N, C-alpha and C. Protein backbone atom coordinates (compact mmCIF):
# COMPACT_ATOMS: atom_id res chain seq x y z
N MET A 1 1.03 -16.93 -0.66
CA MET A 1 0.52 -15.64 0.44
C MET A 1 0.58 -14.20 -1.04
N LEU A 2 -0.27 -13.24 -0.01
CA LEU A 2 0.15 -11.57 -0.37
C LEU A 2 0.79 -10.65 -0.02
N LEU A 3 1.81 -9.97 -0.08
CA LEU A 3 2.98 -9.53 0.68
C LEU A 3 1.89 -7.66 0.86
N SER A 4 1.94 -7.68 2.15
CA SER A 4 1.18 -5.93 1.87
C SER A 4 1.52 -5.08 1.18
N GLY A 5 2.69 -4.62 0.72
CA GLY A 5 3.04 -3.94 0.49
C GLY A 5 1.95 -3.42 -1.37
N CYS A 6 1.66 -4.36 -2.20
CA CYS A 6 0.92 -4.35 -3.50
C CYS A 6 -0.40 -4.01 -2.68
N GLY A 7 -0.49 -2.78 -4.16
CA GLY A 7 -2.34 -2.24 -4.12
C GLY A 7 -2.63 -1.68 -3.15
N GLY A 8 -2.13 -1.04 -2.11
CA GLY A 8 -2.07 -0.41 -1.22
C GLY A 8 -3.12 -0.90 0.44
N ASP A 9 -2.21 -2.36 0.41
CA ASP A 9 -2.94 -2.86 1.96
C ASP A 9 -2.93 -1.85 2.82
N PRO A 10 -3.45 -1.33 3.43
CA PRO A 10 -3.71 -0.91 5.25
C PRO A 10 -2.80 -1.62 6.36
N GLY A 11 -2.32 -2.96 5.94
CA GLY A 11 -2.04 -3.76 7.10
C GLY A 11 -3.14 -4.57 7.27
N THR A 12 -4.05 -4.51 8.47
CA THR A 12 -4.92 -4.86 8.61
C THR A 12 -6.30 -5.85 8.07
N GLY A 13 -7.30 -6.11 8.69
CA GLY A 13 -8.82 -6.47 7.96
C GLY A 13 -8.32 -7.37 6.55
N PRO A 14 -9.66 -8.27 5.91
CA PRO A 14 -8.77 -9.61 5.03
C PRO A 14 -9.16 -8.43 3.19
N VAL A 15 -8.16 -9.95 2.68
CA VAL A 15 -7.73 -8.44 0.81
C VAL A 15 -8.79 -9.26 0.19
N GLU A 16 -8.81 -8.33 -0.66
CA GLU A 16 -9.70 -8.70 -2.27
C GLU A 16 -9.46 -10.15 -2.19
N VAL A 17 -10.34 -11.06 -3.06
CA VAL A 17 -9.06 -12.47 -3.52
C VAL A 17 -10.18 -12.52 -5.08
N HIS A 18 -9.48 -13.18 -5.57
CA HIS A 18 -9.91 -13.10 -7.37
C HIS A 18 -9.84 -15.04 -7.41
N TRP A 19 -11.28 -14.80 -6.72
CA TRP A 19 -12.03 -16.64 -6.94
C TRP A 19 -11.77 -17.39 -8.26
N ASP A 20 -11.19 -18.08 -8.39
CA ASP A 20 -11.27 -18.86 -9.31
C ASP A 20 -9.56 -18.64 -10.08
N ARG A 21 -9.22 -18.03 -9.20
CA ARG A 21 -7.63 -17.54 -9.55
C ARG A 21 -6.53 -17.95 -8.72
N GLN A 22 -7.16 -17.86 -7.31
CA GLN A 22 -6.04 -18.27 -6.62
C GLN A 22 -5.95 -19.11 -5.89
N VAL A 23 -4.98 -19.43 -5.23
CA VAL A 23 -5.24 -21.42 -4.21
C VAL A 23 -5.37 -21.11 -2.86
N CYS A 24 -5.95 -21.87 -2.05
CA CYS A 24 -5.36 -22.30 -1.01
C CYS A 24 -3.72 -22.15 -0.58
N ASP A 25 -3.31 -22.03 0.59
CA ASP A 25 -1.82 -21.85 0.92
C ASP A 25 -1.87 -23.52 1.60
N ARG A 26 -3.49 -24.27 1.77
CA ARG A 26 -2.53 -25.18 2.75
C ARG A 26 -2.79 -26.26 1.73
N CYS A 27 -4.56 -26.81 1.78
CA CYS A 27 -4.59 -27.58 0.53
C CYS A 27 -4.38 -27.82 -1.58
N ARG A 28 -3.82 -26.66 -2.06
CA ARG A 28 -3.95 -26.05 -3.16
C ARG A 28 -4.97 -25.74 -3.89
N MET A 29 -6.73 -26.33 -2.98
CA MET A 29 -7.31 -26.40 -4.28
C MET A 29 -7.78 -24.54 -4.40
N ALA A 30 -8.41 -25.19 -6.15
CA ALA A 30 -9.16 -23.10 -6.65
C ALA A 30 -9.54 -22.03 -5.02
N LEU A 31 -9.65 -21.56 -4.82
CA LEU A 31 -10.86 -21.00 -4.09
C LEU A 31 -11.90 -20.14 -4.85
N SER A 32 -13.40 -21.03 -4.67
CA SER A 32 -14.24 -20.41 -5.75
C SER A 32 -15.14 -20.47 -4.80
N ASP A 33 -15.10 -20.93 -3.82
CA ASP A 33 -16.66 -20.43 -2.58
C ASP A 33 -16.43 -19.54 -1.86
N PRO A 34 -17.17 -18.08 -2.51
CA PRO A 34 -17.25 -17.14 -1.71
C PRO A 34 -17.87 -16.88 -0.22
N HIS A 35 -18.83 -18.46 -0.08
CA HIS A 35 -19.58 -18.22 0.88
C HIS A 35 -18.59 -18.91 2.57
N HIS A 36 -17.54 -19.94 1.64
CA HIS A 36 -16.92 -20.56 3.42
C HIS A 36 -15.40 -20.74 2.81
N ALA A 37 -14.77 -19.67 2.46
CA ALA A 37 -13.16 -19.07 2.45
C ALA A 37 -13.18 -18.85 4.19
N ALA A 38 -11.39 -18.81 4.33
CA ALA A 38 -11.21 -17.53 5.16
C ALA A 38 -9.71 -17.13 4.92
N GLN A 39 -8.93 -16.17 5.62
CA GLN A 39 -7.70 -15.70 4.85
C GLN A 39 -6.94 -15.95 6.58
N VAL A 40 -5.73 -15.48 7.06
CA VAL A 40 -4.91 -15.50 8.19
C VAL A 40 -4.22 -14.45 7.46
N ARG A 41 -3.62 -13.61 8.60
CA ARG A 41 -3.34 -11.86 7.99
C ARG A 41 -2.12 -12.36 9.77
N TRP A 42 -1.26 -12.23 9.10
CA TRP A 42 -0.06 -12.03 10.36
C TRP A 42 1.08 -11.17 10.19
N GLN A 43 1.47 -10.77 11.10
CA GLN A 43 2.89 -9.71 11.11
C GLN A 43 3.94 -10.60 11.20
N GLU A 44 4.62 -10.19 10.00
CA GLU A 44 6.58 -10.79 9.97
C GLU A 44 7.34 -9.82 11.01
N ALA A 45 8.27 -10.26 10.88
CA ALA A 45 9.32 -9.48 11.80
C ALA A 45 9.74 -8.17 11.04
N GLY A 46 9.73 -6.94 11.77
CA GLY A 46 9.89 -5.64 11.55
C GLY A 46 8.48 -4.91 10.52
N GLY A 47 7.65 -6.13 10.97
CA GLY A 47 5.91 -5.71 10.77
C GLY A 47 5.39 -5.65 9.33
N ARG A 48 6.03 -5.91 9.14
CA ARG A 48 5.35 -6.71 7.19
C ARG A 48 4.00 -7.21 7.90
N SER A 49 2.98 -7.51 6.97
CA SER A 49 1.77 -8.14 7.26
C SER A 49 1.77 -8.88 6.13
N ARG A 50 2.00 -9.99 6.18
CA ARG A 50 1.31 -11.27 5.28
C ARG A 50 -0.46 -11.92 5.03
N VAL A 51 0.14 -12.30 4.05
CA VAL A 51 -2.17 -12.90 4.33
C VAL A 51 -1.71 -14.43 2.64
N ALA A 52 -2.38 -15.08 3.86
CA ALA A 52 -2.48 -16.96 3.67
C ALA A 52 -4.40 -17.28 3.10
N LEU A 53 -4.24 -17.41 2.02
CA LEU A 53 -5.75 -17.52 1.36
C LEU A 53 -6.67 -19.03 2.07
N PHE A 54 -7.43 -19.27 1.81
CA PHE A 54 -7.84 -20.92 2.38
C PHE A 54 -8.59 -21.01 1.34
N ASP A 55 -9.43 -22.09 1.30
CA ASP A 55 -10.57 -22.02 0.46
C ASP A 55 -11.54 -22.85 1.44
N ASP A 56 -10.94 -22.58 2.48
CA ASP A 56 -12.34 -23.82 4.19
C ASP A 56 -11.40 -22.89 5.18
N LEU A 57 -13.00 -23.20 5.71
CA LEU A 57 -12.15 -22.73 7.41
C LEU A 57 -11.21 -23.27 7.83
N GLY A 58 -11.28 -25.59 7.92
CA GLY A 58 -10.72 -26.30 8.29
C GLY A 58 -9.14 -26.20 8.07
N CYS A 59 -9.31 -25.68 6.68
CA CYS A 59 -7.78 -25.62 6.34
C CYS A 59 -7.20 -24.28 7.07
N ALA A 60 -8.12 -23.77 6.87
CA ALA A 60 -7.17 -22.57 7.63
C ALA A 60 -6.53 -22.36 9.36
N LEU A 61 -7.78 -23.28 10.66
CA LEU A 61 -7.20 -23.97 11.47
C LEU A 61 -6.60 -24.97 11.60
N ILE A 62 -6.08 -25.30 10.49
CA ILE A 62 -5.14 -26.64 10.40
C ILE A 62 -3.48 -26.37 10.39
N TRP A 63 -3.50 -24.86 9.55
CA TRP A 63 -2.04 -23.99 8.70
C TRP A 63 -1.03 -23.43 9.72
N LEU A 64 -2.70 -22.97 10.20
CA LEU A 64 -2.01 -21.81 11.52
C LEU A 64 -1.34 -22.56 12.82
N GLU A 65 -1.57 -23.65 13.36
CA GLU A 65 -1.60 -24.16 14.38
C GLU A 65 -0.25 -24.81 14.63
N GLU A 66 0.48 -25.06 13.36
CA GLU A 66 1.95 -25.36 13.37
C GLU A 66 2.92 -23.61 13.19
N LYS A 67 1.98 -23.06 13.22
CA LYS A 67 2.85 -21.28 12.98
C LYS A 67 2.79 -20.77 14.17
N PRO A 68 4.04 -19.92 14.95
CA PRO A 68 4.65 -19.68 15.72
C PRO A 68 3.95 -17.75 16.20
N PHE A 69 3.17 -17.79 14.94
CA PHE A 69 2.35 -16.54 15.76
C PHE A 69 0.72 -16.87 15.25
N ARG A 70 0.30 -18.28 15.85
CA ARG A 70 -0.77 -18.07 15.61
C ARG A 70 -1.63 -17.69 16.71
N ASP A 71 -0.94 -17.85 17.80
CA ASP A 71 -1.75 -16.97 19.36
C ASP A 71 -1.15 -15.35 19.66
N ALA A 72 -0.09 -14.94 18.19
CA ALA A 72 -0.44 -12.98 18.65
C ALA A 72 -1.12 -12.52 18.42
N ALA A 73 -1.65 -12.11 19.24
CA ALA A 73 -2.49 -10.55 19.80
C ALA A 73 -2.63 -10.08 17.70
N SER A 74 -1.94 -9.84 17.10
CA SER A 74 -2.20 -9.17 15.86
C SER A 74 -2.43 -10.62 14.71
N THR A 75 -2.62 -11.64 14.89
CA THR A 75 -2.65 -12.22 14.30
C THR A 75 -4.25 -12.44 13.74
N GLU A 76 -4.92 -11.37 12.02
CA GLU A 76 -5.88 -12.16 12.33
C GLU A 76 -7.02 -13.11 12.03
N ILE A 77 -7.75 -13.56 11.80
CA ILE A 77 -8.14 -14.91 11.53
C ILE A 77 -9.87 -14.32 10.83
N TRP A 78 -10.14 -14.14 9.51
CA TRP A 78 -11.41 -13.76 8.38
C TRP A 78 -12.37 -15.05 8.18
N VAL A 79 -13.29 -14.78 7.72
CA VAL A 79 -14.01 -16.39 6.88
C VAL A 79 -15.53 -15.07 6.67
N ASN A 80 -15.69 -15.39 5.63
CA ASN A 80 -16.82 -15.28 5.10
C ASN A 80 -18.06 -15.09 5.27
N ASP A 81 -19.06 -15.07 5.34
CA ASP A 81 -20.62 -14.98 6.10
C ASP A 81 -21.37 -16.03 4.66
N TRP A 82 -22.22 -16.93 5.67
CA TRP A 82 -22.07 -18.54 4.67
C TRP A 82 -23.49 -17.55 4.31
N ARG A 83 -23.76 -16.78 4.13
CA ARG A 83 -25.51 -16.56 3.32
C ARG A 83 -24.97 -15.27 2.41
N ASN A 84 -23.69 -13.89 2.54
CA ASN A 84 -23.60 -13.61 1.73
C ASN A 84 -22.27 -12.52 1.12
N GLY A 85 -21.58 -13.88 1.92
CA GLY A 85 -20.31 -14.00 1.34
C GLY A 85 -19.04 -12.49 2.01
N THR A 86 -19.31 -11.59 2.75
CA THR A 86 -18.89 -10.51 3.83
C THR A 86 -18.16 -11.61 4.54
N TRP A 87 -16.60 -10.40 4.69
CA TRP A 87 -15.34 -11.55 5.28
C TRP A 87 -16.30 -10.61 6.89
N ILE A 88 -16.19 -11.61 7.74
CA ILE A 88 -16.17 -11.13 9.44
C ILE A 88 -15.11 -12.02 10.05
N ASP A 89 -14.78 -11.79 11.18
CA ASP A 89 -13.78 -11.77 12.30
C ASP A 89 -14.29 -13.13 12.82
N ALA A 90 -13.47 -14.24 12.57
CA ALA A 90 -13.75 -15.64 12.47
C ALA A 90 -13.50 -15.83 14.08
N ARG A 91 -13.21 -15.13 15.52
CA ARG A 91 -12.96 -15.42 15.91
C ARG A 91 -14.07 -14.63 17.32
N ARG A 92 -15.31 -14.25 16.37
CA ARG A 92 -16.20 -13.42 16.82
C ARG A 92 -17.27 -13.57 15.86
N ALA A 93 -17.09 -14.58 14.74
CA ALA A 93 -18.38 -15.74 14.41
C ALA A 93 -19.37 -16.85 15.52
N THR A 94 -20.08 -17.32 14.56
CA THR A 94 -21.01 -17.74 15.06
C THR A 94 -20.82 -18.76 14.27
N TYR A 95 -20.16 -20.17 14.31
CA TYR A 95 -20.43 -21.11 13.11
C TYR A 95 -21.65 -22.50 12.78
N LEU A 96 -22.55 -22.39 12.60
CA LEU A 96 -22.92 -23.28 11.40
C LEU A 96 -23.01 -24.48 11.10
N THR A 97 -23.17 -26.21 11.85
CA THR A 97 -22.89 -27.46 11.23
C THR A 97 -23.42 -27.52 9.83
N GLY A 98 -23.15 -28.84 9.25
CA GLY A 98 -23.91 -29.04 8.04
C GLY A 98 -23.72 -28.64 6.41
N GLN A 99 -23.07 -26.99 6.43
CA GLN A 99 -22.97 -26.70 5.49
C GLN A 99 -21.86 -27.48 4.93
N VAL A 100 -21.60 -27.40 3.39
CA VAL A 100 -21.68 -28.17 2.16
C VAL A 100 -20.14 -27.21 1.92
N THR A 101 -19.27 -27.46 2.22
CA THR A 101 -18.66 -27.01 2.19
C THR A 101 -16.73 -27.29 1.13
N PRO A 102 -15.89 -26.84 1.06
CA PRO A 102 -14.84 -26.72 0.04
C PRO A 102 -14.37 -28.24 0.61
N MET A 103 -13.99 -27.83 2.20
CA MET A 103 -12.82 -29.70 2.54
C MET A 103 -13.32 -30.38 3.18
N GLU A 104 -15.10 -30.03 3.65
CA GLU A 104 -16.04 -30.81 3.35
C GLU A 104 -16.07 -30.73 5.75
N TYR A 105 -15.16 -29.15 5.99
CA TYR A 105 -15.57 -29.41 7.53
C TYR A 105 -16.58 -28.69 8.02
N GLY A 106 -17.18 -28.47 7.18
CA GLY A 106 -18.99 -28.82 6.87
C GLY A 106 -19.18 -27.23 8.14
N LEU A 107 -18.38 -26.09 8.27
CA LEU A 107 -19.26 -24.88 9.18
C LEU A 107 -19.16 -23.67 8.08
N GLY A 108 -20.93 -22.98 8.61
CA GLY A 108 -20.52 -21.53 8.01
C GLY A 108 -21.03 -20.74 8.82
N ALA A 109 -19.54 -20.22 8.16
CA ALA A 109 -19.89 -18.78 9.30
C ALA A 109 -20.89 -17.60 8.84
N GLN A 110 -21.28 -16.30 10.55
CA GLN A 110 -22.32 -15.31 10.33
C GLN A 110 -21.46 -14.81 11.83
N PRO A 111 -22.04 -13.30 11.56
CA PRO A 111 -21.48 -11.98 12.25
C PRO A 111 -22.68 -12.90 14.01
N GLU A 112 -24.03 -13.40 13.95
CA GLU A 112 -25.12 -13.41 15.16
C GLU A 112 -24.93 -14.67 15.44
N PRO A 113 -25.67 -14.68 17.23
CA PRO A 113 -25.26 -15.17 17.53
C PRO A 113 -27.05 -16.76 16.89
N ALA A 114 -26.77 -17.71 16.43
CA ALA A 114 -27.68 -19.06 16.41
C ALA A 114 -28.24 -19.74 17.07
N PRO A 115 -29.53 -20.21 17.34
CA PRO A 115 -29.20 -21.43 18.00
C PRO A 115 -28.44 -23.02 17.43
N GLY A 116 -28.56 -23.65 18.58
CA GLY A 116 -26.97 -24.42 17.82
C GLY A 116 -26.30 -24.15 17.23
N GLY A 117 -25.82 -23.26 17.25
CA GLY A 117 -24.31 -22.21 16.61
C GLY A 117 -22.83 -22.34 17.70
N LEU A 118 -21.98 -22.48 17.01
CA LEU A 118 -20.25 -22.69 17.70
C LEU A 118 -19.99 -21.98 18.15
N ASP A 119 -19.33 -21.41 19.32
CA ASP A 119 -18.61 -20.58 19.47
C ASP A 119 -16.82 -20.94 18.38
N PHE A 120 -15.58 -19.79 18.34
CA PHE A 120 -14.79 -20.06 17.64
C PHE A 120 -13.76 -21.35 18.46
N ALA A 121 -13.83 -22.22 19.82
CA ALA A 121 -13.34 -22.09 20.25
C ALA A 121 -13.77 -23.73 19.90
N ARG A 122 -15.23 -24.16 19.52
CA ARG A 122 -15.52 -24.55 19.76
C ARG A 122 -15.86 -25.49 18.33
N ALA A 123 -16.08 -24.24 17.50
CA ALA A 123 -15.99 -24.47 16.25
C ALA A 123 -14.43 -25.46 15.69
N LYS A 124 -13.14 -25.07 16.16
CA LYS A 124 -11.94 -24.98 15.58
C LYS A 124 -11.95 -26.93 16.36
N ALA A 125 -12.58 -27.13 17.86
CA ALA A 125 -12.93 -28.04 18.46
C ALA A 125 -12.91 -29.19 17.44
N LEU A 126 -14.33 -28.83 16.89
CA LEU A 126 -13.83 -29.87 15.74
C LEU A 126 -13.68 -29.68 14.22
N VAL A 127 -12.92 -28.48 13.85
CA VAL A 127 -12.62 -29.46 12.67
C VAL A 127 -11.01 -29.92 12.85
N PHE A 128 -10.68 -29.87 13.94
CA PHE A 128 -9.25 -31.03 14.55
C PHE A 128 -10.57 -32.30 14.49
N ASP A 129 -11.29 -32.48 15.51
CA ASP A 129 -11.63 -33.44 15.33
C ASP A 129 -11.93 -34.29 13.98
N GLU A 130 -12.78 -33.35 13.58
CA GLU A 130 -12.62 -34.05 12.27
C GLU A 130 -11.39 -34.69 10.86
N GLU A 131 -10.13 -33.79 11.68
CA GLU A 131 -9.25 -33.83 10.90
C GLU A 131 -8.61 -35.66 11.15
N ARG A 132 -8.63 -35.67 12.94
CA ARG A 132 -8.20 -36.66 13.37
C ARG A 132 -8.90 -37.77 12.73
N ARG A 133 -10.14 -37.43 13.16
CA ARG A 133 -11.36 -38.92 12.10
C ARG A 133 -10.88 -39.25 10.92
N PHE A 134 -11.09 -38.32 9.80
CA PHE A 134 -10.88 -39.07 8.21
C PHE A 134 -9.04 -39.14 7.81
N ASN A 135 -8.43 -37.81 8.36
CA ASN A 135 -7.60 -36.96 7.95
C ASN A 135 -6.15 -37.79 8.55
N GLY A 136 -6.82 -38.54 9.57
CA GLY A 136 -5.16 -39.20 10.30
C GLY A 136 -3.72 -39.75 9.41
N HIS A 137 -2.85 -39.64 9.66
CA HIS A 137 -2.10 -40.68 9.81
C HIS A 137 -1.31 -40.98 10.63
C-alpha cells in the first residue's frame, strides 16, 4: 500500500502505478495489465490517505467488501478504461463483459454508456457471483 505523504500525493484520485513492479494487494500477482487494473483510496483515522492496488476490478471489490471503510463517502475506487488505460471513477463507469482480465472476472470499464453495459452495482454483483461459483470454499 502506498502512503499519501510520498511524492506530493494530493490525497485524492488515482496514483501512478509502476507496471510489472508492484503487486495486487489481494492476490499478490504483478500489476501488468494497464487496461483492467483498479485502485482503492480511503482515509484512515486522522485523515491520512491510503491506496491499495489491484490487478483486476474483481480483486478490488472482494478485498474492499471486508473493510470498514467500504461504504464511506471518502472511499474512492478507480479502474482503467479498457481501451486506453486512463483512470476513471469505478462507480460511474459502464462495464462490458467478455473481456480477458488478469483474474478472469471479465469486466472492462469505460466512462460512457454502451449497449449491454453494466452499471457499477450490476458489475459488482457479477464479480461476487463469479467468486461464489468458481472460488467458493
